[in-house]
């Protein structure tokens, strides 16, 4: 049975960087049981209510700007997981969520960056679930509980985002120390 995991994927440039986070993600797939499908909960897809991607051939979405041109040519051609997506919608609706299916949604960089490293063969079906930031943590814990049966169905639930993420506070041209709130949360998380 695959675990449910969270990865802090970093910037899309992580794919080519020589850093421990890249090495960790590159070895992740080899260290886990092979799932029949992957459900990625990406912090880069926000909707008012939970939405699950049902595309059979999800496109690679380059949802970022100002990065090296090579990143825009990268693709993650994994097959979609429409059956898993519809099962997720069913579980969410049974738990009282107004869940919907999106047949057009592709894989944003919160999905394809870690997956390209962990599963470079792109041969495991993938779907994505949106988040609802305005609903807060309890809402998302309830989403996770509703989706828990997927583990017994050999579906890896992979949450992806940043452990801390606030680009408005990032000092782009300064090696300044992280803000106190980010350091405190990172220490708590560790």
Protein backbone atom coordinates (compact mmCIF):
# COMPACT_ATOMS: atom_id res chain seq x y z
CA UNK A 1 0.00 0.00 0.00
CA UNK A 2 1.55 3.33 -1.00
CA UNK A 3 1.88 6.09 1.59
CA UNK A 4 0.36 9.54 1.43
CA UNK A 5 3.20 12.04 1.23
CA UNK A 6 3.93 15.75 0.94
CA UNK A 7 6.89 17.08 -1.03
CA UNK A 8 8.11 20.64 -1.11
CA UNK A 9 8.92 20.86 -4.82
CA UNK A 10 10.67 24.23 -4.97
CA UNK A 11 11.04 26.23 -8.16
CA UNK A 12 10.77 24.47 -11.54
CA UNK A 13 14.54 24.91 -11.90
CA UNK A 14 14.90 22.17 -9.26
CA UNK A 15 14.92 19.66 -12.13
CA UNK A 16 18.43 20.71 -13.16
CA UNK A 17 19.92 21.81 -9.84
CA UNK A 18 22.52 19.86 -7.90
CA UNK A 19 20.85 20.12 -4.48
CA UNK A 20 19.72 17.59 -1.83
CA UNK A 21 16.01 18.20 -2.56
CA UNK A 22 16.49 17.14 -6.19
CA UNK A 23 18.44 14.05 -5.12
CA UNK A 24 15.70 13.14 -2.65
CA UNK A 25 12.94 13.43 -5.24
CA UNK A 26 15.01 11.54 -7.83
CA UNK A 27 15.22 8.57 -5.44
CA UNK A 28 11.67 8.78 -4.10
CA UNK A 29 9.97 6.59 -6.70
CA UNK A 30 12.52 3.79 -6.25
CA UNK A 31 11.87 3.78 -2.50
CA UNK A 32 8.09 3.43 -2.72
CA UNK A 33 5.87 0.55 -3.81
CA UNK A 34 4.80 1.03 -7.43
CA UNK A 35 1.27 2.51 -7.41
CA UNK A 36 -1.41 1.83 -10.00
CA UNK A 37 -2.05 5.60 -10.17
CA UNK A 38 -0.97 8.87 -8.57
CA UNK A 39 -3.30 11.60 -7.30
CA UNK A 40 -1.34 14.86 -6.99
CA UNK A 41 -2.78 17.53 -4.72
CA UNK A 42 -1.08 20.58 -6.15
CA UNK A 43 -0.87 23.94 -4.42
CA UNK A 44 -0.83 25.46 -7.92
CA UNK A 45 -4.43 24.58 -8.77
CA UNK A 46 -6.92 26.57 -6.73
CA UNK A 47 -10.69 26.30 -7.18
CA UNK A 48 -13.68 27.33 -5.02
CA UNK A 49 -14.64 23.66 -4.53
CA UNK A 50 -12.60 20.45 -4.97
CA UNK A 51 -12.01 19.58 -8.59
CA UNK A 52 -10.31 16.49 -10.00
CA UNK A 53 -8.69 16.27 -13.44
CA UNK A 54 -10.15 13.52 -15.66
CA UNK A 55 -8.06 14.07 -18.81
CA UNK A 56 -6.84 10.81 -20.34
CA UNK A 57 -3.73 12.56 -21.78
CA UNK A 58 -3.01 15.52 -19.49
CA UNK A 59 -0.97 18.33 -21.01
CA UNK A 60 2.13 19.65 -19.28
CA UNK A 61 1.27 23.12 -17.97
CA UNK A 62 4.11 25.64 -17.72
CA UNK A 63 2.48 27.83 -15.09
CA UNK A 64 5.48 30.04 -14.35
CA UNK A 65 7.24 33.01 -15.92
CA UNK A 66 10.78 34.28 -16.30
CA UNK A 67 12.64 30.97 -16.10
CA UNK A 68 15.21 29.52 -18.54
CA UNK A 69 13.75 28.66 -21.94
CA UNK A 70 14.70 24.96 -21.58
CA UNK A 71 12.09 24.54 -18.83
CA UNK A 72 9.29 25.51 -21.23
CA UNK A 73 10.25 22.66 -23.55
CA UNK A 74 10.04 19.98 -20.83
CA UNK A 75 7.06 17.64 -20.90
CA UNK A 76 5.75 14.97 -18.58
CA UNK A 77 3.75 12.69 -20.91
CA UNK A 78 2.23 10.39 -18.27
CA UNK A 79 -1.17 8.95 -19.07
CA UNK A 80 -4.11 10.39 -17.21
CA UNK A 81 -6.00 8.48 -14.55
CA UNK A 82 -9.66 9.23 -15.32
CA UNK A 83 -10.95 6.18 -13.42
CA UNK A 84 -9.01 7.16 -10.32
CA UNK A 85 -10.18 10.75 -10.75
CA UNK A 86 -13.82 9.71 -10.90
CA UNK A 87 -13.31 7.48 -7.85
CA UNK A 88 -11.88 10.50 -6.01
CA UNK A 89 -14.90 12.60 -7.01
CA UNK A 90 -17.18 9.80 -5.74
CA UNK A 91 -15.36 9.63 -2.38
CA UNK A 92 -15.40 13.40 -1.97
CA UNK A 93 -19.12 13.67 -2.76
CA UNK A 94 -19.87 10.84 -0.33
CA UNK A 95 -18.09 12.91 2.33
CA UNK A 96 -20.27 15.94 1.57
CA UNK A 97 -17.96 17.91 -0.72
CA UNK A 98 -19.34 19.53 -3.89
CA UNK A 99 -16.59 17.91 -5.96
CA UNK A 100 -16.39 18.28 -9.73
CA UNK A 101 -14.46 16.73 -12.60
CA UNK A 102 -12.40 18.74 -15.10
CA UNK A 103 -11.73 16.89 -18.38
CA UNK A 104 -9.36 19.61 -19.66
CA UNK A 105 -6.97 20.15 -16.76
CA UNK A 106 -3.34 19.16 -17.34
CA UNK A 107 -0.44 18.77 -14.93
CA UNK A 108 0.95 22.00 -13.48
CA UNK A 109 4.54 22.31 -12.29
CA UNK A 110 3.51 21.31 -8.76
CA UNK A 111 2.75 17.90 -10.28
CA UNK A 112 5.19 17.40 -13.14
CA UNK A 113 8.35 18.74 -11.48
CA UNK A 114 8.38 16.20 -8.61
CA UNK A 115 6.95 13.43 -10.81
CA UNK A 116 9.56 13.95 -13.53
CA UNK A 117 12.22 13.39 -10.88
CA UNK A 118 10.53 10.57 -8.92
CA UNK A 119 9.01 8.70 -11.90
CA UNK A 120 11.01 9.80 -14.99
CA UNK A 121 9.53 7.05 -17.17
CA UNK A 122 6.13 8.82 -16.98
CA UNK A 123 4.40 5.45 -17.15
CA UNK A 124 2.11 5.66 -14.12
CA UNK A 125 -1.34 7.23 -14.66
CA UNK A 126 -1.67 10.63 -12.97
CA UNK A 127 -4.53 12.89 -11.98
CA UNK A 128 -4.66 16.12 -9.99
CA UNK A 129 -6.86 17.51 -7.22
CA UNK A 130 -7.27 21.23 -6.64
CA UNK A 131 -7.06 22.99 -3.28
CA UNK A 132 -9.24 25.65 -1.67
CA UNK A 133 -6.93 28.01 0.26
CA UNK A 134 -9.80 30.11 1.59
CA UNK A 135 -11.23 27.04 3.35
CA UNK A 136 -8.23 26.51 5.61
CA UNK A 137 -6.49 23.48 7.12
CA UNK A 138 -9.51 21.67 8.60
CA UNK A 139 -11.17 21.56 5.18
CA UNK A 140 -8.05 20.01 3.67
CA UNK A 141 -7.67 17.47 6.48
CA UNK A 142 -11.28 16.45 5.77
CA UNK A 143 -10.42 16.12 2.06
CA UNK A 144 -7.56 13.81 3.00
CA UNK A 145 -9.78 11.69 5.21
CA UNK A 146 -12.34 11.37 2.43
CA UNK A 147 -9.63 10.21 0.01
CA UNK A 148 -7.99 7.78 2.46
CA UNK A 149 -9.61 4.68 0.84
CA UNK A 150 -7.52 5.33 -2.29
CA UNK A 151 -4.43 4.02 -0.47
CA UNK A 152 -6.03 0.57 -0.18
CA UNK A 153 -6.70 0.81 -3.94
CA UNK A 154 -2.94 1.25 -4.58
CA UNK A 155 -3.14 4.98 -5.35
CA UNK A 156 -0.27 7.19 -4.21
CA UNK A 157 -1.57 10.50 -2.90
CA UNK A 158 1.20 13.05 -3.40
CA UNK A 159 0.67 16.53 -1.99
CA UNK A 160 2.96 19.11 -3.56
CA UNK A 161 3.76 22.70 -2.80
CA UNK A 162 6.20 24.62 -0.68
CA UNK A 163 6.82 24.05 2.99
CA UNK A 164 6.83 27.85 3.18
CA UNK A 165 5.93 30.03 0.22
CA UNK A 166 5.46 33.77 0.11
CA UNK A 167 7.03 35.30 -2.98
CA UNK A 168 5.99 38.81 -1.84
CA UNK A 169 8.48 38.51 1.05
CA UNK A 170 11.29 36.94 -0.97
CA UNK A 171 14.41 39.11 -1.23
CA UNK A 172 15.25 38.20 -4.85
CA UNK A 173 18.61 39.95 -5.01
CA UNK A 174 19.70 39.55 -1.41
CA UNK A 175 21.08 36.63 0.55
CA UNK A 176 18.93 37.70 3.52
CA UNK A 177 18.00 35.15 6.14
CA UNK A 178 14.50 33.65 5.92
CA UNK A 179 11.79 35.50 7.88
CA UNK A 180 11.26 34.34 11.47
CA UNK A 181 7.84 32.85 10.64
CA UNK A 182 9.34 30.70 7.87
CA UNK A 183 12.21 29.49 10.03
CA UNK A 184 9.82 28.70 12.93
CA UNK A 185 7.49 26.71 10.69
CA UNK A 186 10.37 24.86 9.04
CA UNK A 187 11.77 23.96 12.48
CA UNK A 188 8.32 22.73 13.58
CA UNK A 189 7.92 20.72 10.39
CA UNK A 190 11.35 19.07 10.80
